[in-house]
């Protein structure tokens, strides 16, 4: 249901559901043994995602030298896929592809 707080919020906030601001309510992690395996998973999803009903709509490569300062040393590959379900449901879902060593470090850092 849409936000209907009377005079509360902006007109845009009143006309759209609060959930319109959620970008990735579903997230999963794929842990790989090395860079080649990571690229194999990403390539497969880029090639087969559409046929599976999960087209890739965004790729973020945190290994890129362009993003080296932006993520404070953290590295992974992140893909956003579009899931379309019944009654017009559409969700952006995030798939994080990790190297096992960096994933292990991430788990230790988030304890």
PDB file of N, CA and C in Angstrom:
ATOM      1  N   UNK A   1       0.842  -1.188   0.000  1.00  0.00           N
ATOM      2  CA  UNK A   1       0.000   0.000   0.000  1.00  0.00           C
ATOM      3  C   UNK A   1       0.875   1.235   0.000  1.00  0.00           C
ATOM      4  N   UNK A   2       0.360   2.284  -0.551  1.00  0.00           N
ATOM      5  CA  UNK A   2       1.126   3.527  -0.671  1.00  0.00           C
ATOM      6  C   UNK A   2       1.128   4.281   0.644  1.00  0.00           C
ATOM      7  N   UNK A   3       2.151   5.093   0.807  1.00  0.00           N
ATOM      8  CA  UNK A   3       2.253   5.962   1.974  1.00  0.00           C
ATOM      9  C   UNK A   3       1.102   6.963   1.920  1.00  0.00           C
ATOM     10  N   UNK A   4       0.325   7.031   2.978  1.00  0.00           N
ATOM     11  CA  UNK A   4      -0.820   7.955   2.977  1.00  0.00           C
ATOM     12  C   UNK A   4      -0.884   8.711   4.288  1.00  0.00           C
ATOM     13  N   UNK A   5       0.207   9.354   4.612  1.00  0.00           N
ATOM     14  CA  UNK A   5       0.322  10.034   5.893  1.00  0.00           C
ATOM     15  C   UNK A   5      -0.278  11.422   5.909  1.00  0.00           C
ATOM     16  N   UNK A   6      -1.355  11.632   5.177  1.00  0.00           N
ATOM     17  CA  UNK A   6      -1.995  12.947   5.195  1.00  0.00           C
ATOM     18  C   UNK A   6      -1.044  14.012   4.731  1.00  0.00           C
ATOM     19  N   UNK A   7      -0.725  14.946   5.584  1.00  0.00           N
ATOM     20  CA  UNK A   7       0.157  16.043   5.220  1.00  0.00           C
ATOM     21  C   UNK A   7       1.618  15.723   5.436  1.00  0.00           C
ATOM     22  N   UNK A   8       1.933  14.507   5.827  1.00  0.00           N
ATOM     23  CA  UNK A   8       3.319  14.142   6.133  1.00  0.00           C
ATOM     24  C   UNK A   8       4.093  13.833   4.864  1.00  0.00           C
ATOM     25  N   UNK A   9       5.334  14.220   4.832  1.00  0.00           N
ATOM     26  CA  UNK A   9       6.213  13.890   3.722  1.00  0.00           C
ATOM     27  C   UNK A   9       5.926  14.715   2.490  1.00  0.00           C
ATOM     28  N   UNK A  10       6.772  14.491   1.471  1.00  0.00           N
ATOM     29  CA  UNK A  10       6.599  15.194   0.209  1.00  0.00           C
ATOM     30  C   UNK A  10       5.502  14.527  -0.598  1.00  0.00           C
ATOM     31  N   UNK A  11       5.064  15.184  -1.651  1.00  0.00           N
ATOM     32  CA  UNK A  11       4.023  14.613  -2.515  1.00  0.00           C
ATOM     33  C   UNK A  11       4.489  13.278  -3.075  1.00  0.00           C
ATOM     34  N   UNK A  12       5.768  13.220  -3.504  1.00  0.00           N
ATOM     35  CA  UNK A  12       6.311  11.981  -4.055  1.00  0.00           C
ATOM     36  C   UNK A  12       6.262  10.857  -3.021  1.00  0.00           C
ATOM     37  N   UNK A  13       6.607  11.153  -1.771  1.00  0.00           N
ATOM     38  CA  UNK A  13       6.575  10.137  -0.719  1.00  0.00           C
ATOM     39  C   UNK A  13       5.155   9.646  -0.486  1.00  0.00           C
ATOM     40  N   UNK A  14       4.168  10.509  -0.630  1.00  0.00           N
ATOM     41  CA  UNK A  14       2.787  10.104  -0.402  1.00  0.00           C
ATOM     42  C   UNK A  14       2.247   9.264  -1.549  1.00  0.00           C
ATOM     43  N   UNK A  15       2.804   9.415  -2.756  1.00  0.00           N
ATOM     44  CA  UNK A  15       2.283   8.713  -3.922  1.00  0.00           C
ATOM     45  C   UNK A  15       2.953   7.365  -4.165  1.00  0.00           C
ATOM     46  N   UNK A  16       4.067   7.086  -3.521  1.00  0.00           N
ATOM     47  CA  UNK A  16       4.786   5.839  -3.755  1.00  0.00           C
ATOM     48  C   UNK A  16       4.895   5.049  -2.457  1.00  0.00           C
ATOM     49  N   UNK A  17       4.897   3.722  -2.582  1.00  0.00           N
ATOM     50  CA  UNK A  17       5.056   2.921  -1.362  1.00  0.00           C
ATOM     51  C   UNK A  17       6.434   3.144  -0.745  1.00  0.00           C
ATOM     52  N   UNK A  18       6.504   3.012   0.557  1.00  0.00           N
ATOM     53  CA  UNK A  18       7.792   3.185   1.238  1.00  0.00           C
ATOM     54  C   UNK A  18       8.819   2.186   0.722  1.00  0.00           C
ATOM     55  N   UNK A  19       8.357   1.025   0.270  1.00  0.00           N
ATOM     56  CA  UNK A  19       9.273   0.000  -0.218  1.00  0.00           C
ATOM     57  C   UNK A  19       9.931   0.383  -1.543  1.00  0.00           C
ATOM     58  N   UNK A  20       9.484   1.462  -2.169  1.00  0.00           N
ATOM     59  CA  UNK A  20      10.093   1.899  -3.431  1.00  0.00           C
ATOM     60  C   UNK A  20      11.552   2.288  -3.234  1.00  0.00           C
ATOM     61  N   UNK A  21      11.986   2.527  -2.008  1.00  0.00           N
ATOM     62  CA  UNK A  21      13.363   2.925  -1.712  1.00  0.00           C
ATOM     63  C   UNK A  21      14.290   1.754  -1.411  1.00  0.00           C
ATOM     64  N   UNK A  22      13.751   0.543  -1.330  1.00  0.00           N
ATOM     65  CA  UNK A  22      14.570  -0.634  -1.039  1.00  0.00           C
ATOM     66  C   UNK A  22      15.180  -1.125  -2.346  1.00  0.00           C
ATOM     67  N   UNK A  23      16.516  -1.229  -2.392  1.00  0.00           N
ATOM     68  CA  UNK A  23      17.189  -1.602  -3.631  1.00  0.00           C
ATOM     69  C   UNK A  23      17.468  -3.088  -3.756  1.00  0.00           C
ATOM     70  N   UNK A  24      17.858  -3.749  -2.692  1.00  0.00           N
ATOM     71  CA  UNK A  24      18.227  -5.162  -2.804  1.00  0.00           C
ATOM     72  C   UNK A  24      17.731  -5.957  -1.589  1.00  0.00           C
ATOM     73  N   UNK A  25      16.436  -6.265  -1.534  1.00  0.00           N
ATOM     74  CA  UNK A  25      15.903  -6.983  -0.386  1.00  0.00           C
ATOM     75  C   UNK A  25      16.347  -8.441  -0.329  1.00  0.00           C
ATOM     76  N   UNK A  26      16.837  -8.958  -1.450  1.00  0.00           N
ATOM     77  CA  UNK A  26      17.312 -10.333  -1.503  1.00  0.00           C
ATOM     78  C   UNK A  26      18.774 -10.296  -1.919  1.00  0.00           C
ATOM     79  N   UNK A  27      19.620 -10.943  -1.119  1.00  0.00           N
ATOM     80  CA  UNK A  27      21.056 -10.932  -1.373  1.00  0.00           C
ATOM     81  C   UNK A  27      21.610 -12.325  -1.123  1.00  0.00           C
ATOM     82  N   UNK A  28      22.538 -12.748  -1.955  1.00  0.00           N
ATOM     83  CA  UNK A  28      23.200 -14.033  -1.716  1.00  0.00           C
ATOM     84  C   UNK A  28      24.681 -13.879  -2.020  1.00  0.00           C
ATOM     85  N   UNK A  29      25.451 -14.842  -1.562  1.00  0.00           N
ATOM     86  CA  UNK A  29      26.895 -14.831  -1.745  1.00  0.00           C
ATOM     87  C   UNK A  29      27.333 -16.124  -2.401  1.00  0.00           C
ATOM     88  N   UNK A  30      28.195 -16.019  -3.398  1.00  0.00           N
ATOM     89  CA  UNK A  30      28.833 -17.170  -4.028  1.00  0.00           C
ATOM     90  C   UNK A  30      30.303 -17.074  -3.651  1.00  0.00           C
ATOM     91  N   UNK A  31      30.829 -18.106  -2.990  1.00  0.00           N
ATOM     92  CA  UNK A  31      32.230 -18.114  -2.556  1.00  0.00           C
ATOM     93  C   UNK A  31      33.017 -19.023  -3.491  1.00  0.00           C
ATOM     94  N   UNK A  32      34.081 -18.477  -4.086  1.00  0.00           N
ATOM     95  CA  UNK A  32      34.851 -19.192  -5.101  1.00  0.00           C
ATOM     96  C   UNK A  32      36.279 -19.455  -4.624  1.00  0.00           C
ATOM     97  N   UNK A  33      36.902 -20.455  -5.255  1.00  0.00           N
ATOM     98  CA  UNK A  33      38.257 -20.847  -4.876  1.00  0.00           C
ATOM     99  C   UNK A  33      39.332 -19.943  -5.466  1.00  0.00           C
ATOM    100  N   UNK A  34      38.999 -19.141  -6.452  1.00  0.00           N
ATOM    101  CA  UNK A  34      39.991 -18.269  -7.059  1.00  0.00           C
ATOM    102  C   UNK A  34      39.361 -17.339  -8.077  1.00  0.00           C
ATOM    103  N   UNK A  35      40.216 -16.492  -8.670  1.00  0.00           N
ATOM    104  CA  UNK A  35      39.734 -15.481  -9.611  1.00  0.00           C
ATOM    105  C   UNK A  35      39.097 -16.104 -10.850  1.00  0.00           C
ATOM    106  N   UNK A  36      39.689 -17.180 -11.360  1.00  0.00           N
ATOM    107  CA  UNK A  36      39.139 -17.826 -12.562  1.00  0.00           C
ATOM    108  C   UNK A  36      37.724 -18.338 -12.305  1.00  0.00           C
ATOM    109  N   UNK A  37      37.518 -18.928 -11.162  1.00  0.00           N
ATOM    110  CA  UNK A  37      36.186 -19.435 -10.813  1.00  0.00           C
ATOM    111  C   UNK A  37      35.196 -18.279 -10.631  1.00  0.00           C
ATOM    112  N   UNK A  38      35.650 -17.187 -10.041  1.00  0.00           N
ATOM    113  CA  UNK A  38      34.784 -16.012  -9.886  1.00  0.00           C
ATOM    114  C   UNK A  38      34.317 -15.515 -11.252  1.00  0.00           C
ATOM    115  N   UNK A  39      35.268 -15.373 -12.175  1.00  0.00           N
ATOM    116  CA  UNK A  39      34.932 -14.896 -13.515  1.00  0.00           C
ATOM    117  C   UNK A  39      34.024 -15.874 -14.250  1.00  0.00           C
ATOM    118  N   UNK A  40      34.234 -17.161 -14.021  1.00  0.00           N
ATOM    119  CA  UNK A  40      33.377 -18.183 -14.639  1.00  0.00           C
ATOM    120  C   UNK A  40      31.927 -18.021 -14.185  1.00  0.00           C
ATOM    121  N   UNK A  41      31.701 -17.790 -12.911  1.00  0.00           N
ATOM    122  CA  UNK A  41      30.341 -17.597 -12.389  1.00  0.00           C
ATOM    123  C   UNK A  41      29.713 -16.314 -12.935  1.00  0.00           C
ATOM    124  N   UNK A  42      30.489 -15.242 -12.967  1.00  0.00           N
ATOM    125  CA  UNK A  42      29.972 -13.967 -13.471  1.00  0.00           C
ATOM    126  C   UNK A  42      29.635 -14.092 -14.956  1.00  0.00           C
ATOM    127  N   UNK A  43      30.541 -14.681 -15.725  1.00  0.00           N
ATOM    128  CA  UNK A  43      30.312 -14.853 -17.161  1.00  0.00           C
ATOM    129  C   UNK A  43      29.061 -15.685 -17.417  1.00  0.00           C
ATOM    130  N   UNK A  44      28.887 -16.764 -16.658  1.00  0.00           N
ATOM    131  CA  UNK A  44      27.715 -17.625 -16.817  1.00  0.00           C
ATOM    132  C   UNK A  44      26.428 -16.846 -16.560  1.00  0.00           C
ATOM    133  N   UNK A  45      26.398 -16.078 -15.498  1.00  0.00           N
ATOM    134  CA  UNK A  45      25.186 -15.326 -15.177  1.00  0.00           C
ATOM    135  C   UNK A  45      24.918 -14.232 -16.215  1.00  0.00           C
ATOM    136  N   UNK A  46      25.964 -13.592 -16.706  1.00  0.00           N
ATOM    137  CA  UNK A  46      25.787 -12.585 -17.751  1.00  0.00           C
ATOM    138  C   UNK A  46      25.216 -13.212 -19.026  1.00  0.00           C
ATOM    139  N   UNK A  47      25.666 -14.423 -19.341  1.00  0.00           N
ATOM    140  CA  UNK A  47      25.214 -15.092 -20.566  1.00  0.00           C
ATOM    141  C   UNK A  47      23.864 -15.777 -20.408  1.00  0.00           C
ATOM    142  N   UNK A  48      23.579 -16.349 -19.246  1.00  0.00           N
ATOM    143  CA  UNK A  48      22.375 -17.164 -19.055  1.00  0.00           C
ATOM    144  C   UNK A  48      21.293 -16.508 -18.208  1.00  0.00           C
ATOM    145  N   UNK A  49      21.597 -15.376 -17.587  1.00  0.00           N
ATOM    146  CA  UNK A  49      20.649 -14.738 -16.675  1.00  0.00           C
ATOM    147  C   UNK A  49      19.301 -14.446 -17.300  1.00  0.00           C
ATOM    148  N   UNK A  50      19.312 -13.918 -18.502  1.00  0.00           N
ATOM    149  CA  UNK A  50      18.054 -13.588 -19.189  1.00  0.00           C
ATOM    150  C   UNK A  50      17.197 -14.838 -19.372  1.00  0.00           C
ATOM    151  N   UNK A  51      17.794 -15.929 -19.832  1.00  0.00           N
ATOM    152  CA  UNK A  51      17.065 -17.181 -20.057  1.00  0.00           C
ATOM    153  C   UNK A  51      16.534 -17.768 -18.746  1.00  0.00           C
ATOM    154  N   UNK A  52      17.223 -17.492 -17.640  1.00  0.00           N
ATOM    155  CA  UNK A  52      16.800 -17.985 -16.327  1.00  0.00           C
ATOM    156  C   UNK A  52      15.743 -17.094 -15.683  1.00  0.00           C
ATOM    157  N   UNK A  53      15.435 -15.970 -16.331  1.00  0.00           N
ATOM    158  CA  UNK A  53      14.490 -15.021 -15.747  1.00  0.00           C
ATOM    159  C   UNK A  53      15.144 -14.096 -14.736  1.00  0.00           C
ATOM    160  N   UNK A  54      16.474 -14.002 -14.782  1.00  0.00           N
ATOM    161  CA  UNK A  54      17.223 -13.135 -13.875  1.00  0.00           C
ATOM    162  C   UNK A  54      18.230 -12.307 -14.671  1.00  0.00           C
ATOM    163  N   UNK A  55      17.746 -11.401 -15.522  1.00  0.00           N
ATOM    164  CA  UNK A  55      18.699 -10.604 -16.296  1.00  0.00           C
ATOM    165  C   UNK A  55      19.559  -9.723 -15.388  1.00  0.00           C
ATOM    166  N   UNK A  56      20.831  -9.633 -15.727  1.00  0.00           N
ATOM    167  CA  UNK A  56      21.763  -8.797 -14.974  1.00  0.00           C
ATOM    168  C   UNK A  56      21.529  -7.346 -15.386  1.00  0.00           C
ATOM    169  N   UNK A  57      21.279  -6.493 -14.390  1.00  0.00           N
ATOM    170  CA  UNK A  57      21.017  -5.082 -14.674  1.00  0.00           C
ATOM    171  C   UNK A  57      22.156  -4.169 -14.215  1.00  0.00           C
ATOM    172  N   UNK A  58      23.094  -4.734 -13.443  1.00  0.00           N
ATOM    173  CA  UNK A  58      24.224  -3.935 -12.971  1.00  0.00           C
ATOM    174  C   UNK A  58      25.353  -4.855 -12.536  1.00  0.00           C
ATOM    175  N   UNK A  59      26.575  -4.451 -12.837  1.00  0.00           N
ATOM    176  CA  UNK A  59      27.763  -5.168 -12.374  1.00  0.00           C
ATOM    177  C   UNK A  59      28.662  -4.145 -11.703  1.00  0.00           C
ATOM    178  N   UNK A  60      29.126  -4.478 -10.506  1.00  0.00           N
ATOM    179  CA  UNK A  60      30.078  -3.608  -9.809  1.00  0.00           C
ATOM    180  C   UNK A  60      31.320  -4.444  -9.504  1.00  0.00           C
ATOM    181  N   UNK A  61      32.441  -4.043 -10.103  1.00  0.00           N
ATOM    182  CA  UNK A  61      33.706  -4.746  -9.934  1.00  0.00           C
ATOM    183  C   UNK A  61      34.544  -3.990  -8.919  1.00  0.00           C
ATOM    184  N   UNK A  62      34.566  -4.462  -7.682  1.00  0.00           N
ATOM    185  CA  UNK A  62      35.326  -3.782  -6.638  1.00  0.00           C
ATOM    186  C   UNK A  62      36.807  -4.167  -6.660  1.00  0.00           C
ATOM    187  N   UNK A  63      37.200  -4.989  -7.637  1.00  0.00           N
ATOM    188  CA  UNK A  63      38.619  -5.274  -7.860  1.00  0.00           C
ATOM    189  C   UNK A  63      39.234  -4.251  -8.808  1.00  0.00           C
ATOM    190  N   UNK A  64      38.412  -3.500  -9.500  1.00  0.00           N
ATOM    191  CA  UNK A  64      38.864  -2.526 -10.483  1.00  0.00           C
ATOM    192  C   UNK A  64      39.767  -1.483  -9.846  1.00  0.00           C
ATOM    193  N   UNK A  65      40.817  -1.106 -10.562  1.00  0.00           N
ATOM    194  CA  UNK A  65      41.716  -0.073 -10.031  1.00  0.00           C
ATOM    195  C   UNK A  65      40.990   1.262  -9.898  1.00  0.00           C
ATOM    196  N   UNK A  66      39.927   1.471 -10.681  1.00  0.00           N
ATOM    197  CA  UNK A  66      39.149   2.701 -10.590  1.00  0.00           C
ATOM    198  C   UNK A  66      38.418   2.818  -9.254  1.00  0.00           C
ATOM    199  N   UNK A  67      38.148   1.679  -8.617  1.00  0.00           N
ATOM    200  CA  UNK A  67      37.391   1.708  -7.361  1.00  0.00           C
ATOM    201  C   UNK A  67      38.263   1.407  -6.151  1.00  0.00           C
ATOM    202  N   UNK A  68      39.585   1.402  -6.307  1.00  0.00           N
ATOM    203  CA  UNK A  68      40.475   0.968  -5.231  1.00  0.00           C
ATOM    204  C   UNK A  68      40.331   1.790  -3.953  1.00  0.00           C
ATOM    205  N   UNK A  69      40.131   3.083  -4.057  1.00  0.00           N
ATOM    206  CA  UNK A  69      39.996   3.923  -2.860  1.00  0.00           C
ATOM    207  C   UNK A  69      38.564   3.936  -2.326  1.00  0.00           C
ATOM    208  N   UNK A  70      37.622   3.729  -3.203  1.00  0.00           N
ATOM    209  CA  UNK A  70      36.209   3.868  -2.852  1.00  0.00           C
ATOM    210  C   UNK A  70      35.739   2.853  -1.809  1.00  0.00           C
ATOM    211  N   UNK A  71      36.284   1.651  -1.800  1.00  0.00           N
ATOM    212  CA  UNK A  71      35.780   0.590  -0.926  1.00  0.00           C
ATOM    213  C   UNK A  71      36.709   0.250   0.228  1.00  0.00           C
ATOM    214  N   UNK A  72      37.679   1.090   0.500  1.00  0.00           N
ATOM    215  CA  UNK A  72      38.544   0.946   1.668  1.00  0.00           C
ATOM    216  C   UNK A  72      39.199  -0.428   1.750  1.00  0.00           C
ATOM    217  N   UNK A  73      39.649  -0.940   0.609  1.00  0.00           N
ATOM    218  CA  UNK A  73      40.356  -2.212   0.596  1.00  0.00           C
ATOM    219  C   UNK A  73      39.478  -3.434   0.406  1.00  0.00           C
ATOM    220  N   UNK A  74      38.177  -3.306   0.574  1.00  0.00           N
ATOM    221  CA  UNK A  74      37.271  -4.447   0.412  1.00  0.00           C
ATOM    222  C   UNK A  74      37.102  -4.766  -1.070  1.00  0.00           C
ATOM    223  N   UNK A  75      37.075  -6.046  -1.442  1.00  0.00           N
ATOM    224  CA  UNK A  75      36.972  -6.444  -2.838  1.00  0.00           C
ATOM    225  C   UNK A  75      35.966  -7.592  -3.011  1.00  0.00           C
ATOM    226  N   UNK A  76      35.109  -7.443  -4.031  1.00  0.00           N
ATOM    227  CA  UNK A  76      34.257  -8.519  -4.514  1.00  0.00           C
ATOM    228  C   UNK A  76      33.696  -8.105  -5.868  1.00  0.00           C
ATOM    229  N   UNK A  77      32.958  -9.003  -6.482  1.00  0.00           N
ATOM    230  CA  UNK A  77      32.198  -8.688  -7.680  1.00  0.00           C
ATOM    231  C   UNK A  77      30.737  -8.732  -7.274  1.00  0.00           C
ATOM    232  N   UNK A  78      29.987  -7.731  -7.654  1.00  0.00           N
ATOM    233  CA  UNK A  78      28.580  -7.677  -7.269  1.00  0.00           C
ATOM    234  C   UNK A  78      27.734  -7.540  -8.521  1.00  0.00           C
ATOM    235  N   UNK A  79      26.730  -8.407  -8.628  1.00  0.00           N
ATOM    236  CA  UNK A  79      25.806  -8.337  -9.750  1.00  0.00           C
ATOM    237  C   UNK A  79      24.407  -8.098  -9.205  1.00  0.00           C
ATOM    238  N   UNK A  80      23.674  -7.204  -9.841  1.00  0.00           N
ATOM    239  CA  UNK A  80      22.268  -7.009  -9.517  1.00  0.00           C
ATOM    240  C   UNK A  80      21.459  -7.641 -10.636  1.00  0.00           C
ATOM    241  N   UNK A  81      20.497  -8.475 -10.262  1.00  0.00           N
ATOM    242  CA  UNK A  81      19.630  -9.129 -11.227  1.00  0.00           C
ATOM    243  C   UNK A  81      18.193  -8.693 -10.973  1.00  0.00           C
ATOM    244  N   UNK A  82      17.394  -8.718 -12.019  1.00  0.00           N
ATOM    245  CA  UNK A  82      15.996  -8.331 -11.915  1.00  0.00           C
ATOM    246  C   UNK A  82      15.135  -9.574 -11.878  1.00  0.00           C
ATOM    247  N   UNK A  83      14.421  -9.756 -10.774  1.00  0.00           N
ATOM    248  CA  UNK A  83      13.460 -10.850 -10.647  1.00  0.00           C
ATOM    249  C   UNK A  83      12.069 -10.289 -10.910  1.00  0.00           C
ATOM    250  N   UNK A  84      11.337 -10.927 -11.795  1.00  0.00           N
ATOM    251  CA  UNK A  84       9.957 -10.530 -12.082  1.00  0.00           C
ATOM    252  C   UNK A  84       9.048 -11.692 -11.697  1.00  0.00           C
ATOM    253  N   UNK A  85       8.115 -11.423 -10.791  1.00  0.00           N
ATOM    254  CA  UNK A  85       7.222 -12.466 -10.299  1.00  0.00           C
ATOM    255  C   UNK A  85       5.771 -12.198 -10.663  1.00  0.00           C
ATOM    256  N   UNK A  86       4.909 -12.868  -9.946  1.00  0.00           N
ATOM    257  CA  UNK A  86       3.474 -12.754 -10.186  1.00  0.00           C
ATOM    258  C   UNK A  86       2.962 -11.366  -9.830  1.00  0.00           C
ATOM    259  N   UNK A  87       1.876 -10.993 -10.442  1.00  0.00           N
ATOM    260  CA  UNK A  87       1.165  -9.733 -10.192  1.00  0.00           C
ATOM    261  C   UNK A  87       2.064  -8.498 -10.301  1.00  0.00           C
ATOM    262  N   UNK A  88       3.009  -8.553 -11.221  1.00  0.00           N
ATOM    263  CA  UNK A  88       3.856  -7.390 -11.469  1.00  0.00           C
ATOM    264  C   UNK A  88       4.992  -7.185 -10.479  1.00  0.00           C
ATOM    265  N   UNK A  89       5.215  -8.157  -9.595  1.00  0.00           N
ATOM    266  CA  UNK A  89       6.307  -8.035  -8.623  1.00  0.00           C
ATOM    267  C   UNK A  89       7.640  -7.984  -9.362  1.00  0.00           C
ATOM    268  N   UNK A  90       8.446  -6.991  -9.032  1.00  0.00           N
ATOM    269  CA  UNK A  90       9.788  -6.851  -9.593  1.00  0.00           C
ATOM    270  C   UNK A  90      10.742  -6.494  -8.459  1.00  0.00           C
ATOM    271  N   UNK A  91      11.805  -7.277  -8.340  1.00  0.00           N
ATOM    272  CA  UNK A  91      12.798  -7.049  -7.287  1.00  0.00           C
ATOM    273  C   UNK A  91      14.192  -7.002  -7.893  1.00  0.00           C
ATOM    274  N   UNK A  92      14.999  -6.084  -7.393  1.00  0.00           N
ATOM    275  CA  UNK A  92      16.426  -6.104  -7.707  1.00  0.00           C
ATOM    276  C   UNK A  92      17.085  -6.935  -6.611  1.00  0.00           C
ATOM    277  N   UNK A  93      17.763  -7.993  -7.027  1.00  0.00           N
ATOM    278  CA  UNK A  93      18.426  -8.898  -6.084  1.00  0.00           C
ATOM    279  C   UNK A  93      19.935  -8.810  -6.318  1.00  0.00           C
ATOM    280  N   UNK A  94      20.691  -8.925  -5.237  1.00  0.00           N
ATOM    281  CA  UNK A  94      22.149  -8.761  -5.317  1.00  0.00           C
ATOM    282  C   UNK A  94      22.832 -10.109  -5.153  1.00  0.00           C
ATOM    283  N   UNK A  95      23.775 -10.374  -6.040  1.00  0.00           N
ATOM    284  CA  UNK A  95      24.606 -11.579  -5.950  1.00  0.00           C
ATOM    285  C   UNK A  95      26.038 -11.114  -5.771  1.00  0.00           C
ATOM    286  N   UNK A  96      26.618 -11.437  -4.618  1.00  0.00           N
ATOM    287  CA  UNK A  96      28.008 -11.075  -4.328  1.00  0.00           C
ATOM    288  C   UNK A  96      28.884 -12.285  -4.627  1.00  0.00           C
ATOM    289  N   UNK A  97      29.913 -12.087  -5.431  1.00  0.00           N
ATOM    290  CA  UNK A  97      30.841 -13.166  -5.782  1.00  0.00           C
ATOM    291  C   UNK A  97      32.160 -12.868  -5.075  1.00  0.00           C
ATOM    292  N   UNK A  98      32.546 -13.782  -4.165  1.00  0.00           N
ATOM    293  CA  UNK A  98      33.721 -13.563  -3.310  1.00  0.00           C
ATOM    294  C   UNK A  98      34.813 -14.592  -3.573  1.00  0.00           C
ATOM    295  N   UNK A  99      36.047 -14.161  -3.410  1.00  0.00           N
ATOM    296  CA  UNK A  99      37.184 -15.075  -3.305  1.00  0.00           C
ATOM    297  C   UNK A  99      37.142 -15.633  -1.882  1.00  0.00           C
ATOM    298  N   UNK A 100      37.376 -16.921  -1.707  1.00  0.00           N
ATOM    299  CA  UNK A 100      37.205 -17.537  -0.384  1.00  0.00           C
ATOM    300  C   UNK A 100      38.067 -16.885   0.694  1.00  0.00           C
ATOM    301  N   UNK A 101      39.267 -16.452   0.341  1.00  0.00           N
ATOM    302  CA  UNK A 101      40.125 -15.831   1.356  1.00  0.00           C
ATOM    303  C   UNK A 101      39.560 -14.481   1.820  1.00  0.00           C
ATOM    304  N   UNK A 102      39.070 -13.690   0.883  1.00  0.00           N
ATOM    305  CA  UNK A 102      38.486 -12.401   1.249  1.00  0.00           C
ATOM    306  C   UNK A 102      37.159 -12.586   1.979  1.00  0.00           C
ATOM    307  N   UNK A 103      36.425 -13.624   1.598  1.00  0.00           N
ATOM    308  CA  UNK A 103      35.158 -13.902   2.290  1.00  0.00           C
ATOM    309  C   UNK A 103      35.414 -14.302   3.745  1.00  0.00           C
ATOM    310  N   UNK A 104      36.436 -15.109   3.945  1.00  0.00           N
ATOM    311  CA  UNK A 104      36.804 -15.514   5.309  1.00  0.00           C
ATOM    312  C   UNK A 104      37.169 -14.294   6.147  1.00  0.00           C
ATOM    313  N   UNK A 105      37.929 -13.379   5.567  1.00  0.00           N
ATOM    314  CA  UNK A 105      38.310 -12.142   6.249  1.00  0.00           C
ATOM    315  C   UNK A 105      37.072 -11.296   6.557  1.00  0.00           C
ATOM    316  N   UNK A 106      36.154 -11.208   5.601  1.00  0.00           N
ATOM    317  CA  UNK A 106      34.921 -10.437   5.798  1.00  0.00           C
ATOM    318  C   UNK A 106      34.129 -10.991   6.983  1.00  0.00           C
ATOM    319  N   UNK A 107      34.038 -12.306   7.073  1.00  0.00           N
ATOM    320  CA  UNK A 107      33.299 -12.915   8.192  1.00  0.00           C
ATOM    321  C   UNK A 107      33.956 -12.596   9.535  1.00  0.00           C
ATOM    322  N   UNK A 108      35.290 -12.591   9.561  1.00  0.00           N
ATOM    323  CA  UNK A 108      35.999 -12.257  10.795  1.00  0.00           C
ATOM    324  C   UNK A 108      35.794 -10.790  11.171  1.00  0.00           C
ATOM    325  N   UNK A 109      35.729  -9.910  10.185  1.00  0.00           N
ATOM    326  CA  UNK A 109      35.583  -8.478  10.438  1.00  0.00           C
ATOM    327  C   UNK A 109      34.170  -8.135  10.929  1.00  0.00           C
ATOM    328  N   UNK A 110      33.190  -8.945  10.554  1.00  0.00           N
ATOM    329  CA  UNK A 110      31.787  -8.637  10.909  1.00  0.00           C
ATOM    330  C   UNK A 110      31.298  -9.395  12.130  1.00  0.00           C
ATOM    331  N   UNK A 111      32.213  -9.897  12.952  1.00  0.00           N
ATOM    332  CA  UNK A 111      31.803 -10.609  14.175  1.00  0.00           C
ATOM    333  C   UNK A 111      31.401  -9.629  15.241  1.00  0.00           C
TER     334      UNK A 111
END
